[in-house]
Amino acid sequence: MLFWFVCSFRLSFKIWREGFSSWCMDGKPMRRCTSTRPGETGMDVTSRCTLGDPNKLPEGVPQPARMPYISDKHPRQTLEVINLLRKHRELCDVVLVVGAKKIYAHRVILSACSPYFRAMFTGELAESRQTEVVIRDIDERAMELLIDFAYTSQITVEEGNVQTLLPAACLLQLAEIQEACCEFLKRQLDPSNCLGIRAFADTHSCRELLRIADKFTQHNFQEDMVFPLRTALAVSQKFWYVVSSLSFPFT
């Protein structure tokens, strides 16, 4: 019996002296650590713990399930609610005065859609501090359509509004509406209106529409000549178009 006790004591002393492995627990996942040895007084057993990846659970522990989710409905539903607020004149912080028309709106929506409004409301202009802002040189109905587009993502370009809508979109720097107007005019090109559309595109710097109108005019020039020239303006436009395409040598 005494022999067994002495052997057990010597074995325990040897383990204590050479160190042993234990488990630490301080609120984080358990990790293995080494205990202190003789002579290392005042050293906490957890001070020599070897830390693993704090974001990775130990082997054998189930990983938490994850499912990223992006809502397709959220942007549309959010805009719908903000548009309702606008129609009820709730939380509106700016009134656009266009001619005799007053249009209530939210600065953040206008700034998000139009670089023109973003520069106006975020810069040092007087309009950034005004609750009523007068917008000049723009058609009332065209402005209403563009503000509706900012809140609904929808607009209808038609023959009755394209001539006022395109200049308004150019002023507000709404590139998407400019492209839509130009696409509409491309589809309307015919020998009787190609010069007018070309002049309109040139006035508003619609380069792609101007290029297509030029090409269309060149292709249909002979066909157009058989049409009765309805106005003197059309005649003069064609004359200057032909002259500008010629090169004269100077002596």
Protein backbone atom coordinates (compact mmCIF):
# COMPACT_ATOMS: atom_id res chain seq x y z
CA MET A 1 0.00 0.00 0.00
CA LEU A 2 2.79 2.41 0.91
CA PHE A 3 4.62 1.50 -2.28
CA TRP A 4 1.54 2.33 -4.38
CA PHE A 5 1.14 5.71 -2.63
CA VAL A 6 4.80 6.64 -3.23
CA CYS A 7 4.55 5.72 -6.92
CA SER A 8 1.39 7.78 -7.35
CA PHE A 9 2.96 10.80 -5.65
CA ARG A 10 6.11 10.62 -7.80
CA LEU A 11 4.00 10.35 -10.98
CA SER A 12 1.86 13.35 -10.00
CA PHE A 13 4.95 15.42 -9.18
CA LYS A 14 6.49 14.57 -12.55
CA ILE A 15 3.36 15.67 -14.43
CA TRP A 16 3.22 18.94 -12.46
CA ARG A 17 6.88 19.64 -13.12
CA GLU A 18 6.89 18.98 -16.86
CA GLY A 19 3.64 20.78 -17.47
CA PHE A 20 0.31 19.50 -18.58
CA SER A 21 -2.35 20.43 -21.04
CA SER A 22 -5.60 21.91 -19.81
CA TRP A 23 -8.60 23.75 -21.18
CA CYS A 24 -9.20 27.48 -20.63
CA MET A 25 -12.60 29.13 -20.64
CA ASP A 26 -13.00 32.94 -20.46
CA GLY A 27 -16.18 33.55 -22.38
CA LYS A 28 -14.58 32.72 -25.74
CA PRO A 29 -14.37 29.33 -27.47
CA MET A 30 -12.22 26.84 -25.47
CA ARG A 31 -8.60 26.50 -26.55
CA ARG A 32 -5.66 24.48 -25.28
CA CYS A 33 -3.04 26.06 -23.00
CA THR A 34 0.07 25.09 -21.05
CA SER A 35 0.27 25.43 -17.27
CA THR A 36 3.13 27.10 -15.43
CA ARG A 37 6.27 25.26 -14.37
CA PRO A 38 8.19 25.51 -11.11
CA GLY A 39 9.88 28.88 -10.72
CA GLU A 40 7.32 30.70 -12.89
CA THR A 41 5.60 32.19 -9.87
CA GLY A 42 2.74 34.65 -10.16
CA MET A 43 1.98 33.53 -13.73
CA ASP A 44 -1.68 32.82 -14.43
CA VAL A 45 -2.40 29.55 -16.15
CA THR A 46 -4.41 31.35 -18.84
CA SER A 47 -1.59 33.78 -19.64
CA ARG A 48 0.13 31.24 -21.88
CA CYS A 49 -2.96 30.17 -23.80
CA THR A 50 -2.50 29.88 -27.54
CA LEU A 51 -5.33 31.74 -29.26
CA GLY A 52 -6.91 30.35 -32.40
CA ASP A 53 -9.09 32.08 -35.00
CA PRO A 54 -11.79 33.89 -32.92
CA ASN A 55 -14.20 33.70 -35.87
CA LYS A 56 -13.82 29.97 -36.34
CA LEU A 57 -15.44 27.47 -34.06
CA PRO A 58 -13.49 24.34 -33.00
CA GLU A 59 -13.72 21.32 -35.23
CA GLY A 60 -16.86 19.32 -34.70
CA VAL A 61 -18.95 22.33 -33.66
CA PRO A 62 -21.73 23.09 -36.22
CA GLN A 63 -21.20 26.34 -38.14
CA PRO A 64 -24.06 28.89 -37.90
CA ALA A 65 -26.34 29.00 -40.96
CA ARG A 66 -26.29 32.20 -43.06
CA MET A 67 -28.52 33.42 -45.90
CA PRO A 68 -27.79 36.83 -47.46
CA TYR A 69 -30.99 38.47 -48.71
CA ILE A 70 -31.49 41.40 -51.09
CA SER A 71 -35.01 42.69 -51.55
CA ASP A 72 -36.23 43.47 -55.05
CA LYS A 73 -39.41 45.02 -53.66
CA HIS A 74 -37.79 47.42 -51.20
CA PRO A 75 -36.66 50.17 -53.65
CA ARG A 76 -40.03 50.24 -55.43
CA GLN A 77 -42.08 50.17 -52.24
CA THR A 78 -39.93 52.87 -50.66
CA LEU A 79 -40.38 55.17 -53.66
CA GLU A 80 -44.13 54.51 -53.66
CA VAL A 81 -44.41 55.62 -50.03
CA ILE A 82 -42.24 58.70 -50.59
CA ASN A 83 -44.38 59.60 -53.61
CA LEU A 84 -47.51 59.35 -51.46
CA LEU A 85 -45.87 61.67 -48.94
CA ARG A 86 -45.18 64.12 -51.76
CA LYS A 87 -48.76 64.03 -53.02
CA HIS A 88 -50.01 64.69 -49.48
CA ARG A 89 -47.34 67.40 -49.06
CA GLU A 90 -45.87 65.61 -46.06
CA LEU A 91 -42.20 65.95 -45.09
CA CYS A 92 -41.61 68.07 -48.22
CA ASP A 93 -38.75 70.50 -47.69
CA VAL A 94 -38.74 72.43 -50.97
CA VAL A 95 -41.27 73.99 -53.34
CA LEU A 96 -40.29 74.42 -56.98
CA VAL A 97 -41.92 77.46 -58.58
CA VAL A 98 -42.16 76.97 -62.33
CA GLY A 99 -44.17 79.73 -63.97
CA ALA A 100 -47.50 79.80 -62.17
CA LYS A 101 -47.05 76.23 -60.92
CA LYS A 102 -45.82 75.18 -57.46
CA ILE A 103 -44.42 71.67 -57.15
CA TYR A 104 -43.78 70.21 -53.68
CA ALA A 105 -40.85 67.83 -53.38
CA HIS A 106 -38.06 66.42 -51.21
CA ARG A 107 -34.53 67.73 -51.71
CA VAL A 108 -32.94 64.31 -51.19
CA ILE A 109 -34.99 62.73 -53.99
CA LEU A 110 -34.30 65.56 -56.42
CA SER A 111 -30.59 65.53 -55.55
CA ALA A 112 -30.36 61.77 -56.01
CA CYS A 113 -31.87 61.96 -59.51
CA SER A 114 -30.49 65.21 -60.89
CA PRO A 115 -26.91 66.58 -60.76
CA TYR A 116 -28.47 70.01 -61.35
CA PHE A 117 -30.47 69.83 -58.12
CA ARG A 118 -27.62 68.15 -56.25
CA ALA A 119 -25.33 71.08 -57.03
CA MET A 120 -28.09 73.53 -56.11
CA PHE A 121 -28.97 72.01 -52.73
CA THR A 122 -25.55 70.86 -51.50
CA GLY A 123 -23.49 73.87 -52.55
CA GLU A 124 -23.27 77.44 -51.32
CA LEU A 125 -26.00 78.78 -53.60
CA ALA A 126 -28.81 80.82 -52.07
CA GLU A 127 -31.29 78.16 -53.19
CA SER A 128 -29.74 75.69 -50.75
CA ARG A 129 -31.28 77.71 -47.90
CA GLN A 130 -34.59 78.60 -49.54
CA THR A 131 -37.84 76.72 -49.09
CA GLU A 132 -39.18 78.05 -52.41
CA VAL A 133 -36.94 77.85 -55.47
CA VAL A 134 -37.81 79.54 -58.76
CA ILE A 135 -36.86 77.50 -61.84
CA ARG A 136 -36.72 79.52 -65.05
CA ASP A 137 -36.53 78.63 -68.74
CA ILE A 138 -38.41 75.38 -68.39
CA ASP A 139 -41.91 74.28 -69.33
CA GLU A 140 -44.31 73.72 -66.43
CA ARG A 141 -45.72 70.47 -67.75
CA ALA A 142 -42.28 69.14 -68.63
CA MET A 143 -41.08 69.86 -65.08
CA GLU A 144 -44.08 68.02 -63.63
CA LEU A 145 -43.34 64.99 -65.81
CA LEU A 146 -39.68 64.96 -64.76
CA ILE A 147 -40.49 65.28 -61.05
CA ASP A 148 -43.00 62.44 -61.41
CA PHE A 149 -40.25 60.37 -63.05
CA ALA A 150 -37.93 61.04 -60.10
CA TYR A 151 -40.54 59.52 -57.77
CA THR A 152 -41.96 56.75 -59.97
CA SER A 153 -39.25 55.79 -62.51
CA GLN A 154 -41.91 56.15 -65.23
CA ILE A 155 -42.46 58.68 -68.00
CA THR A 156 -44.21 58.72 -71.38
CA VAL A 157 -42.47 60.47 -74.25
CA GLU A 158 -44.83 61.42 -77.05
CA GLU A 159 -45.15 63.76 -79.98
CA GLY A 160 -46.95 66.37 -77.91
CA ASN A 161 -44.28 66.72 -75.19
CA VAL A 162 -40.91 65.73 -76.66
CA GLN A 163 -40.08 69.29 -77.79
CA THR A 164 -40.40 70.62 -74.22
CA LEU A 165 -39.27 67.47 -72.42
CA LEU A 166 -35.86 67.22 -74.07
CA PRO A 167 -34.76 70.81 -73.26
CA ALA A 168 -35.98 70.36 -69.67
CA ALA A 169 -34.06 67.09 -69.32
CA CYS A 170 -30.94 68.79 -70.68
CA LEU A 171 -31.26 71.59 -68.12
CA LEU A 172 -31.71 69.18 -65.20
CA GLN A 173 -28.98 66.88 -66.58
CA LEU A 174 -31.25 63.85 -66.69
CA ALA A 175 -29.25 61.79 -69.16
CA GLU A 176 -31.68 58.87 -69.13
CA ILE A 177 -34.59 61.07 -70.23
CA GLN A 178 -32.43 62.73 -72.87
CA GLU A 179 -31.67 59.30 -74.31
CA ALA A 180 -35.36 58.34 -74.23
CA CYS A 181 -36.34 61.52 -76.09
CA CYS A 182 -33.63 61.00 -78.70
CA GLU A 183 -34.70 57.39 -79.18
CA PHE A 184 -38.28 58.54 -79.70
CA LEU A 185 -37.21 61.11 -82.30
CA LYS A 186 -35.09 58.52 -84.12
CA ARG A 187 -38.22 56.43 -84.61
CA GLN A 188 -40.11 59.44 -85.98
CA LEU A 189 -37.58 60.30 -88.68
CA ASP A 190 -38.98 60.57 -92.20
CA PRO A 191 -38.13 62.67 -95.27
CA SER A 192 -40.60 65.38 -94.30
CA ASN A 193 -39.19 66.06 -90.80
CA CYS A 194 -35.55 64.95 -90.91
CA LEU A 195 -34.24 68.51 -91.26
CA GLY A 196 -36.33 69.76 -88.37
CA ILE A 197 -35.21 66.90 -86.14
CA ARG A 198 -31.61 67.47 -87.20
CA ALA A 199 -31.83 71.15 -86.24
CA PHE A 200 -33.50 70.22 -82.93
CA ALA A 201 -30.76 67.69 -82.16
CA ASP A 202 -28.07 70.23 -83.02
CA THR A 203 -29.63 72.86 -80.75
CA HIS A 204 -29.67 70.52 -77.75
CA SER A 205 -26.32 68.82 -78.42
CA CYS A 206 -27.80 65.37 -79.01
CA ARG A 207 -24.83 63.99 -80.91
CA GLU A 208 -26.17 60.53 -81.60
CA LEU A 209 -29.50 61.86 -82.86
CA LEU A 210 -27.66 64.46 -84.95
CA ARG A 211 -25.49 61.76 -86.52
CA ILE A 212 -28.47 59.59 -87.37
CA ALA A 213 -30.47 62.54 -88.73
CA ASP A 214 -27.50 63.50 -90.92
CA LYS A 215 -27.21 59.98 -92.25
CA PHE A 216 -30.96 59.77 -92.85
CA THR A 217 -30.98 63.11 -94.69
CA GLN A 218 -28.10 62.11 -96.94
CA HIS A 219 -29.77 58.82 -97.76
CA ASN A 220 -33.17 60.37 -98.51
CA PHE A 221 -32.06 63.64 -100.08
CA GLN A 222 -33.27 62.80 -103.60
CA GLU A 223 -36.54 61.39 -102.29
CA ASP A 224 -37.11 64.50 -100.27
CA MET A 225 -36.71 66.73 -103.29
CA VAL A 226 -39.93 65.43 -104.80
CA PHE A 227 -41.90 66.50 -101.72
CA PRO A 228 -43.42 69.99 -101.86
CA LEU A 229 -41.30 72.32 -99.76
CA ARG A 230 -43.80 73.48 -97.21
CA THR A 231 -41.98 76.45 -95.73
CA ALA A 232 -39.15 78.76 -96.60
CA LEU A 233 -37.42 77.63 -93.40
CA ALA A 234 -37.17 74.10 -94.69
CA VAL A 235 -35.65 75.39 -97.93
CA SER A 236 -33.06 77.50 -96.15
CA GLN A 237 -32.15 74.66 -93.80
CA LYS A 238 -31.53 72.33 -96.69
CA PHE A 239 -29.54 74.98 -98.56
CA TRP A 240 -27.20 75.61 -95.65
CA TYR A 241 -26.89 71.89 -95.02
CA VAL A 242 -25.74 71.36 -98.63
CA VAL A 243 -23.38 74.34 -98.52
CA SER A 244 -21.82 73.19 -95.25
CA SER A 245 -21.06 69.80 -96.81
CA LEU A 246 -19.06 71.35 -99.64
CA SER A 247 -15.46 72.51 -99.50
CA PHE A 248 -14.36 75.48 -101.56
CA PRO A 249 -10.70 76.10 -102.42
CA PHE A 250 -9.45 79.53 -101.47
CA THR A 251 -6.85 81.37 -103.55
